[in-house]
């Protein structure tokens, strides 16, 4: 197993400049509905805590987690050593709940602040951050489109890390052609639906980090229109949830296997089989009014995920640049350009070589430009 060593670095000065000087986060925090969340000093404390978590908890698990990877034991996913403790510490610190509604345990802060926190979490350990990212994203769909009863039953546990969550779209025969999905939902006498089908490439589809996993599953009801217009979104927990919020029996959601993806081996990307024993039950997001509204509901998560993927790229690029900068200051090779004809001249750090400086400046400009673009989208 790889040694647990943190390699994550962040440009805290540029992050603060973008937030507070370029996009005026301090002024935004004085306006409704954010005036009851943080002031500027409180936001700075959140950023400091996020950086400490990234460097001391998530970062050291990045290399070791990728080396160990996820594995299947007794039909369930086993995540790498340290991930379960990191999951609990993340939610205890409230970092993932930064932009969430206060009524469900969140801080109610602007997405602008949450994007900066997300950068540190992604940059330190993108594989680990996939798990809470999907749980929060699925919860936000229920918050926006769910019935009051669904919100009361699911959200607090999903937003506080007691339960995980996923979005289940892709099928073996239907990748980007989502309208070809064959997963079926047959209405039962009690108003629930019998779910049958297979989904692939499901990030966080199974893991041992939370007590339950709430899947959001795109499926087609009987008699629904063809194509994407006939898709509905269903809440399908791995373990059934009783009316009082306690966990019940298995909901016939079976792990089919783990997909193999380079670089995020610690993130369980799964094949899931729903209803192998004709016992998988789900409920429409939003109740009866949610029928055939699956694509609209799903895109709330997907549009946010598009910004999140940009944050992932920026975060990893930023840390790569800062590590390259550190290396260039330490690595000695060749003489200075001023003494290149003198074979006895001392070796100098490679940052003194013009082409190395050019490459570093190019990296710096790209990272800072993308970070500002993300902050604009978030604000």
Protein backbone atom coordinates (compact mmCIF):
# COMPACT_ATOMS: atom_id res chain seq x y z
CA UNK A 1 0.00 0.00 0.00
CA UNK A 2 1.23 3.51 -0.82
CA UNK A 3 2.50 5.63 2.03
CA UNK A 4 -0.02 8.17 3.28
CA UNK A 5 1.61 11.43 2.24
CA UNK A 6 -0.11 14.66 1.30
CA UNK A 7 0.88 16.28 -2.01
CA UNK A 8 -1.99 18.77 -2.16
CA UNK A 9 -1.16 22.47 -2.39
CA UNK A 10 -3.52 25.41 -2.88
CA UNK A 11 -3.01 29.05 -3.83
CA UNK A 12 -4.93 30.54 -0.91
CA UNK A 13 -4.03 34.08 -1.92
CA UNK A 14 -5.55 33.75 -5.39
CA UNK A 15 -8.63 31.97 -4.03
CA UNK A 16 -9.19 34.82 -1.57
CA UNK A 17 -8.59 37.42 -4.28
CA UNK A 18 -11.18 35.85 -6.58
CA UNK A 19 -13.77 35.49 -3.83
CA UNK A 20 -13.43 38.70 -1.87
CA UNK A 21 -11.91 41.23 -4.26
CA UNK A 22 -13.05 40.17 -7.73
CA UNK A 23 -16.51 38.80 -6.90
CA UNK A 24 -17.18 40.68 -3.63
CA UNK A 25 -18.19 37.72 -1.47
CA UNK A 26 -18.13 39.92 1.61
CA UNK A 27 -20.83 42.16 0.14
CA UNK A 28 -22.90 39.17 -0.98
CA UNK A 29 -22.88 37.78 2.55
CA UNK A 30 -24.63 40.95 3.76
CA UNK A 31 -27.58 40.37 1.42
CA UNK A 32 -30.58 38.11 1.84
CA UNK A 33 -30.83 35.15 2.00
CA UNK A 34 -27.18 34.85 3.02
CA UNK A 35 -27.11 37.39 5.84
CA UNK A 36 -27.81 34.67 8.41
CA UNK A 37 -25.00 32.35 7.30
CA UNK A 38 -21.50 33.87 7.55
CA UNK A 39 -19.79 37.21 7.56
CA UNK A 40 -16.47 37.69 5.77
CA UNK A 41 -14.38 36.49 8.72
CA UNK A 42 -16.61 33.43 9.05
CA UNK A 43 -16.12 32.65 5.37
CA UNK A 44 -12.37 32.91 5.79
CA UNK A 45 -12.57 30.44 8.69
CA UNK A 46 -14.47 28.00 6.45
CA UNK A 47 -11.75 28.26 3.80
CA UNK A 48 -9.02 27.69 6.41
CA UNK A 49 -10.84 24.63 7.77
CA UNK A 50 -11.35 23.26 4.26
CA UNK A 51 -7.64 23.62 3.50
CA UNK A 52 -6.68 21.91 6.76
CA UNK A 53 -9.05 19.03 6.00
CA UNK A 54 -7.66 18.76 2.48
CA UNK A 55 -4.05 18.62 3.67
CA UNK A 56 -4.43 16.46 6.78
CA UNK A 57 -7.35 14.12 6.04
CA UNK A 58 -8.27 13.83 2.35
CA UNK A 59 -4.86 14.54 0.80
CA UNK A 60 -2.95 11.78 2.61
CA UNK A 61 -5.56 9.24 1.44
CA UNK A 62 -5.24 10.14 -2.24
CA UNK A 63 -2.24 8.03 -3.21
CA UNK A 64 -2.91 5.18 -0.80
CA UNK A 65 -6.57 5.05 -1.83
CA UNK A 66 -5.70 4.81 -5.52
CA UNK A 67 -3.11 2.11 -4.84
CA UNK A 68 -5.53 0.05 -2.75
CA UNK A 69 -8.65 0.75 -4.79
CA UNK A 70 -12.15 -0.49 -4.05
CA UNK A 71 -12.99 -4.17 -3.92
CA UNK A 72 -16.07 -6.34 -3.61
CA UNK A 73 -16.57 -8.39 -0.43
CA UNK A 74 -19.73 -10.45 0.11
CA UNK A 75 -21.57 -8.55 -2.60
CA UNK A 76 -20.75 -5.09 -1.24
CA UNK A 77 -18.08 -2.49 -2.05
CA UNK A 78 -15.26 -2.08 0.43
CA UNK A 79 -13.62 1.35 0.18
CA UNK A 80 -9.91 1.94 0.90
CA UNK A 81 -8.53 2.22 4.39
CA UNK A 82 -9.28 5.58 6.02
CA UNK A 83 -12.16 6.56 3.76
CA UNK A 84 -14.91 5.80 6.26
CA UNK A 85 -13.29 7.92 8.97
CA UNK A 86 -12.68 10.71 6.46
CA UNK A 87 -16.36 10.60 5.41
CA UNK A 88 -17.49 11.06 9.00
CA UNK A 89 -14.99 13.84 9.71
CA UNK A 90 -16.02 15.65 6.53
CA UNK A 91 -19.67 15.79 7.50
CA UNK A 92 -18.92 16.49 11.16
CA UNK A 93 -16.94 19.52 10.03
CA UNK A 94 -19.91 20.72 7.96
CA UNK A 95 -17.79 21.40 4.88
CA UNK A 96 -20.08 19.63 2.39
CA UNK A 97 -23.11 21.34 3.93
CA UNK A 98 -21.79 24.85 3.29
CA UNK A 99 -24.42 25.89 0.69
CA UNK A 100 -27.29 23.67 1.90
CA UNK A 101 -30.53 24.92 3.49
CA UNK A 102 -30.25 25.66 7.18
CA UNK A 103 -33.51 23.82 7.88
CA UNK A 104 -31.74 20.56 6.98
CA UNK A 105 -28.50 21.22 8.84
CA UNK A 106 -26.72 23.26 6.18
CA UNK A 107 -25.05 26.66 6.50
CA UNK A 108 -27.07 28.43 3.81
CA UNK A 109 -23.96 30.06 2.34
CA UNK A 110 -23.60 31.24 -1.28
CA UNK A 111 -22.52 28.77 -3.96
CA UNK A 112 -19.55 31.08 -4.54
CA UNK A 113 -18.07 30.08 -1.17
CA UNK A 114 -19.04 26.43 -1.68
CA UNK A 115 -17.17 26.35 -5.01
CA UNK A 116 -13.93 27.34 -3.27
CA UNK A 117 -14.44 24.64 -0.64
CA UNK A 118 -15.18 22.16 -3.43
CA UNK A 119 -11.90 23.05 -5.15
CA UNK A 120 -9.90 22.08 -2.08
CA UNK A 121 -11.82 18.84 -1.56
CA UNK A 122 -11.50 17.87 -5.24
CA UNK A 123 -7.87 18.86 -5.52
CA UNK A 124 -6.79 16.90 -2.48
CA UNK A 125 -8.68 13.70 -3.32
CA UNK A 126 -11.05 13.66 -6.29
CA UNK A 127 -11.94 9.98 -5.83
CA UNK A 128 -13.04 10.42 -2.22
CA UNK A 129 -14.97 13.60 -2.98
CA UNK A 130 -17.13 11.77 -5.54
CA UNK A 131 -19.03 9.99 -2.76
CA UNK A 132 -20.34 13.01 -0.83
CA UNK A 133 -20.77 14.95 -4.06
CA UNK A 134 -23.30 12.44 -5.37
CA UNK A 135 -25.10 12.20 -2.02
CA UNK A 136 -25.53 15.98 -1.81
CA UNK A 137 -26.50 16.25 -5.48
CA UNK A 138 -29.20 13.59 -5.19
CA UNK A 139 -30.49 15.25 -2.04
CA UNK A 140 -30.74 18.60 -3.80
CA UNK A 141 -32.99 17.02 -6.45
CA UNK A 142 -35.34 15.78 -3.74
CA UNK A 143 -35.20 19.19 -2.06
CA UNK A 144 -36.22 20.93 -5.29
CA UNK A 145 -38.79 18.48 -6.66
CA UNK A 146 -39.76 16.10 -3.84
CA UNK A 147 -42.98 16.06 -1.87
CA UNK A 148 -42.95 17.37 1.74
CA UNK A 149 -43.09 13.77 2.91
CA UNK A 150 -40.08 12.80 0.77
CA UNK A 151 -38.09 15.76 2.03
CA UNK A 152 -38.87 14.90 5.64
CA UNK A 153 -37.99 11.25 5.14
CA UNK A 154 -34.73 11.56 3.20
CA UNK A 155 -33.05 14.95 3.26
CA UNK A 156 -31.58 15.37 6.72
CA UNK A 157 -29.86 11.98 6.54
CA UNK A 158 -28.60 12.58 2.98
CA UNK A 159 -27.35 16.08 3.70
CA UNK A 160 -25.55 15.03 6.88
CA UNK A 161 -23.78 11.94 5.62
CA UNK A 162 -25.88 9.33 7.40
CA UNK A 163 -27.02 8.12 3.97
CA UNK A 164 -25.34 8.33 0.58
CA UNK A 165 -26.95 8.98 -2.78
CA UNK A 166 -26.54 8.46 -6.53
CA UNK A 167 -28.00 9.34 -9.91
CA UNK A 168 -28.65 6.29 -12.11
CA UNK A 169 -28.97 7.18 -15.81
CA UNK A 170 -26.74 5.16 -18.12
CA UNK A 171 -27.60 1.64 -19.28
CA UNK A 172 -25.46 -0.91 -21.16
CA UNK A 173 -27.17 -0.14 -24.47
CA UNK A 174 -27.93 3.56 -23.83
CA UNK A 175 -25.02 5.86 -23.05
CA UNK A 176 -25.56 9.42 -24.24
CA UNK A 177 -28.83 8.22 -25.84
CA UNK A 178 -30.70 8.41 -22.53
CA UNK A 179 -34.08 8.20 -24.28
CA UNK A 180 -33.38 4.56 -25.12
CA UNK A 181 -33.44 3.55 -21.46
CA UNK A 182 -35.23 0.26 -20.82
CA UNK A 183 -35.47 0.28 -17.03
CA UNK A 184 -39.14 -0.22 -16.18
CA UNK A 185 -41.39 1.03 -13.41
CA UNK A 186 -44.68 -0.81 -12.90
CA UNK A 187 -47.19 0.81 -10.59
CA UNK A 188 -48.36 -1.24 -7.62
CA UNK A 189 -51.62 -1.14 -5.66
CA UNK A 190 -50.05 0.83 -2.80
CA UNK A 191 -48.84 3.58 -5.15
CA UNK A 192 -45.20 2.45 -5.20
CA UNK A 193 -43.47 1.16 -8.34
CA UNK A 194 -41.75 -2.12 -9.09
CA UNK A 195 -38.36 -1.20 -10.63
CA UNK A 196 -36.51 -3.56 -12.98
CA UNK A 197 -33.38 -2.85 -15.03
CA UNK A 198 -29.61 -2.41 -15.08
CA UNK A 199 -27.61 0.82 -14.75
CA UNK A 200 -23.88 1.23 -15.41
CA UNK A 201 -21.18 3.81 -14.58
CA UNK A 202 -22.91 4.71 -11.31
CA UNK A 203 -20.52 6.82 -9.22
CA UNK A 204 -20.75 5.81 -5.56
CA UNK A 205 -23.25 3.11 -6.55
CA UNK A 206 -22.24 1.05 -3.55
CA UNK A 207 -19.91 1.67 -0.62
CA UNK A 208 -19.46 1.14 3.10
CA UNK A 209 -19.32 4.80 4.10
CA UNK A 210 -22.99 5.33 4.98
CA UNK A 211 -25.83 3.31 6.51
CA UNK A 212 -27.94 3.48 3.34
CA UNK A 213 -27.69 4.71 -0.26
CA UNK A 214 -30.61 6.51 -1.89
CA UNK A 215 -30.55 5.96 -5.64
CA UNK A 216 -32.35 8.26 -8.06
CA UNK A 217 -33.27 6.04 -11.00
CA UNK A 218 -34.51 7.06 -14.43
CA UNK A 219 -37.14 4.58 -15.59
CA UNK A 220 -40.15 4.36 -17.88
CA UNK A 221 -43.66 3.79 -16.57
CA UNK A 222 -46.20 1.67 -18.43
CA UNK A 223 -47.68 3.52 -21.40
CA UNK A 224 -45.19 6.39 -21.17
CA UNK A 225 -44.20 8.25 -24.36
CA UNK A 226 -41.12 7.09 -26.24
CA UNK A 227 -37.79 8.84 -25.86
CA UNK A 228 -36.77 11.19 -23.08
CA UNK A 229 -40.28 12.62 -22.68
CA UNK A 230 -41.43 9.32 -21.19
CA UNK A 231 -38.79 9.04 -18.48
CA UNK A 232 -39.57 9.48 -14.79
CA UNK A 233 -37.24 9.73 -11.81
CA UNK A 234 -37.68 7.37 -8.87
CA UNK A 235 -36.34 7.31 -5.32
CA UNK A 236 -34.96 3.79 -4.83
CA UNK A 237 -33.07 3.27 -1.54
CA UNK A 238 -30.73 0.30 -1.19
CA UNK A 239 -32.47 -0.50 2.09
CA UNK A 240 -36.14 0.31 2.38
CA UNK A 241 -36.97 3.24 4.63
CA UNK A 242 -39.87 2.88 7.05
CA UNK A 243 -42.38 5.68 7.65
CA UNK A 244 -40.61 6.65 10.87
CA UNK A 245 -37.26 6.96 9.08
CA UNK A 246 -35.80 3.70 10.36
CA UNK A 247 -34.20 1.26 7.94
CA UNK A 248 -36.04 -1.85 6.83
CA UNK A 249 -35.25 -4.83 4.64
CA UNK A 250 -33.16 -5.01 1.49
CA UNK A 251 -34.76 -3.35 -1.52
CA UNK A 252 -33.43 -5.80 -4.14
CA UNK A 253 -30.67 -3.51 -5.42
CA UNK A 254 -27.70 -5.73 -6.33
CA UNK A 255 -24.11 -4.79 -7.09
CA UNK A 256 -23.15 -6.16 -10.49
CA UNK A 257 -19.49 -5.16 -10.28
CA UNK A 258 -17.03 -2.27 -10.18
CA UNK A 259 -16.04 -0.46 -13.39
CA UNK A 260 -12.29 0.02 -13.91
CA UNK A 261 -11.31 3.67 -14.25
CA UNK A 262 -7.77 4.99 -14.28
CA UNK A 263 -6.85 7.51 -11.61
CA UNK A 264 -9.99 7.21 -9.47
CA UNK A 265 -9.72 3.58 -8.42
CA UNK A 266 -10.79 4.62 -4.91
CA UNK A 267 -14.14 5.82 -6.30
CA UNK A 268 -16.56 2.92 -6.74
CA UNK A 269 -18.10 3.29 -10.20
CA UNK A 270 -20.63 0.49 -10.23
CA UNK A 271 -22.97 -1.68 -12.25
CA UNK A 272 -26.30 -1.93 -10.41
CA UNK A 273 -29.09 -4.41 -11.03
CA UNK A 274 -32.55 -3.40 -9.87
CA UNK A 275 -35.26 -5.98 -9.24
CA UNK A 276 -33.44 -9.24 -9.91
CA UNK A 277 -35.96 -10.86 -7.55
CA UNK A 278 -38.90 -8.63 -8.55
CA UNK A 279 -38.76 -6.95 -5.14
CA UNK A 280 -37.25 -3.51 -5.88
CA UNK A 281 -39.64 -0.72 -4.96
CA UNK A 282 -39.37 2.96 -5.77
CA UNK A 283 -41.45 6.11 -5.51
CA UNK A 284 -41.82 8.94 -8.00
CA UNK A 285 -39.85 12.06 -7.16
CA UNK A 286 -42.59 14.59 -6.49
CA UNK A 287 -45.35 12.01 -6.29
CA UNK A 288 -47.86 11.48 -9.15
CA UNK A 289 -47.10 14.93 -10.58
CA UNK A 290 -43.54 13.77 -11.21
CA UNK A 291 -44.46 11.21 -13.85
CA UNK A 292 -42.65 11.86 -17.16
CA UNK A 293 -40.70 14.71 -15.51
CA UNK A 294 -37.51 12.72 -15.01
CA UNK A 295 -35.26 14.59 -17.43
CA UNK A 296 -36.17 18.00 -16.01
CA UNK A 297 -35.53 16.77 -12.48
CA UNK A 298 -32.33 14.96 -13.39
CA UNK A 299 -30.81 18.00 -15.05
CA UNK A 300 -30.83 19.93 -11.78
CA UNK A 301 -28.06 17.60 -10.66
CA UNK A 302 -26.37 17.32 -14.05
CA UNK A 303 -26.07 21.06 -14.61
CA UNK A 304 -24.48 21.47 -11.19
CA UNK A 305 -22.25 18.49 -11.95
CA UNK A 306 -20.94 20.21 -15.07
CA UNK A 307 -19.60 23.07 -12.96
CA UNK A 308 -18.32 20.53 -10.44
CA UNK A 309 -16.35 18.72 -13.16
CA UNK A 310 -14.80 22.06 -14.10
CA UNK A 311 -13.89 22.56 -10.45
CA UNK A 312 -12.26 19.11 -10.41
CA UNK A 313 -10.09 20.00 -13.39
CA UNK A 314 -9.13 23.39 -11.99
CA UNK A 315 -8.36 21.92 -8.56
CA UNK A 316 -6.06 19.18 -9.85
CA UNK A 317 -4.39 21.54 -12.34
CA UNK A 318 -3.77 24.09 -9.59
CA UNK A 319 -2.12 21.59 -7.27
CA UNK A 320 -0.10 20.19 -10.19
CA UNK A 321 1.14 23.70 -11.02
CA UNK A 322 2.09 24.44 -7.40
CA UNK A 323 3.93 21.13 -7.08
CA UNK A 324 5.76 21.83 -10.35
CA UNK A 325 6.66 25.30 -9.07
CA UNK A 326 8.04 23.87 -5.84
CA UNK A 327 10.06 21.27 -7.78
CA UNK A 328 11.43 23.89 -10.18
CA UNK A 329 12.72 25.91 -7.25
CA UNK A 330 14.51 22.90 -5.76
CA UNK A 331 15.77 20.90 -8.77
CA UNK A 332 19.20 22.03 -9.95
CA UNK A 333 20.29 21.32 -13.50
CA UNK A 334 22.43 23.28 -15.95
CA UNK A 335 24.02 26.66 -15.53
CA UNK A 336 22.39 30.03 -15.71
CA UNK A 337 21.73 31.46 -19.16
CA UNK A 338 24.15 34.23 -18.26
CA UNK A 339 26.99 31.71 -17.88
CA UNK A 340 26.01 28.98 -20.32
CA UNK A 341 29.45 29.00 -21.97
CA UNK A 342 31.25 28.47 -18.65
CA UNK A 343 31.53 24.71 -17.92
CA UNK A 344 32.57 25.48 -14.35
CA UNK A 345 29.53 27.63 -13.59
CA UNK A 346 27.39 26.36 -10.67
CA UNK A 347 24.22 24.43 -11.37
CA UNK A 348 21.06 26.51 -10.81
CA UNK A 349 17.41 25.68 -9.97
CA UNK A 350 15.58 24.98 -13.22
CA UNK A 351 13.16 27.83 -12.52
CA UNK A 352 15.96 30.12 -13.73
CA UNK A 353 15.75 28.63 -17.23
CA UNK A 354 13.54 30.78 -19.50
CA UNK A 355 11.56 27.92 -21.05
CA UNK A 356 10.74 26.44 -17.65
CA UNK A 357 9.55 29.87 -16.49
CA UNK A 358 7.42 30.16 -19.63
CA UNK A 359 5.76 26.80 -18.96
CA UNK A 360 5.10 27.66 -15.33
CA UNK A 361 3.61 31.04 -16.25
CA UNK A 362 1.38 29.36 -18.82
CA UNK A 363 0.11 26.92 -16.17
CA UNK A 364 -0.45 29.73 -13.67
CA UNK A 365 -2.42 31.84 -16.16
CA UNK A 366 -4.67 28.95 -17.18
CA UNK A 367 -5.43 27.92 -13.60
CA UNK A 368 -6.20 31.45 -12.45
CA UNK A 369 -8.36 32.13 -15.50
CA UNK A 370 -10.39 28.96 -15.03
CA UNK A 371 -10.78 29.64 -11.30
CA UNK A 372 -12.22 33.07 -12.06
CA UNK A 373 -14.60 31.58 -14.65
CA UNK A 374 -15.83 29.02 -12.12
CA UNK A 375 -16.38 31.76 -9.54
CA UNK A 376 -18.38 33.75 -12.10
CA UNK A 377 -20.59 30.73 -12.84
CA UNK A 378 -21.02 30.05 -9.13
CA UNK A 379 -21.91 33.65 -8.31
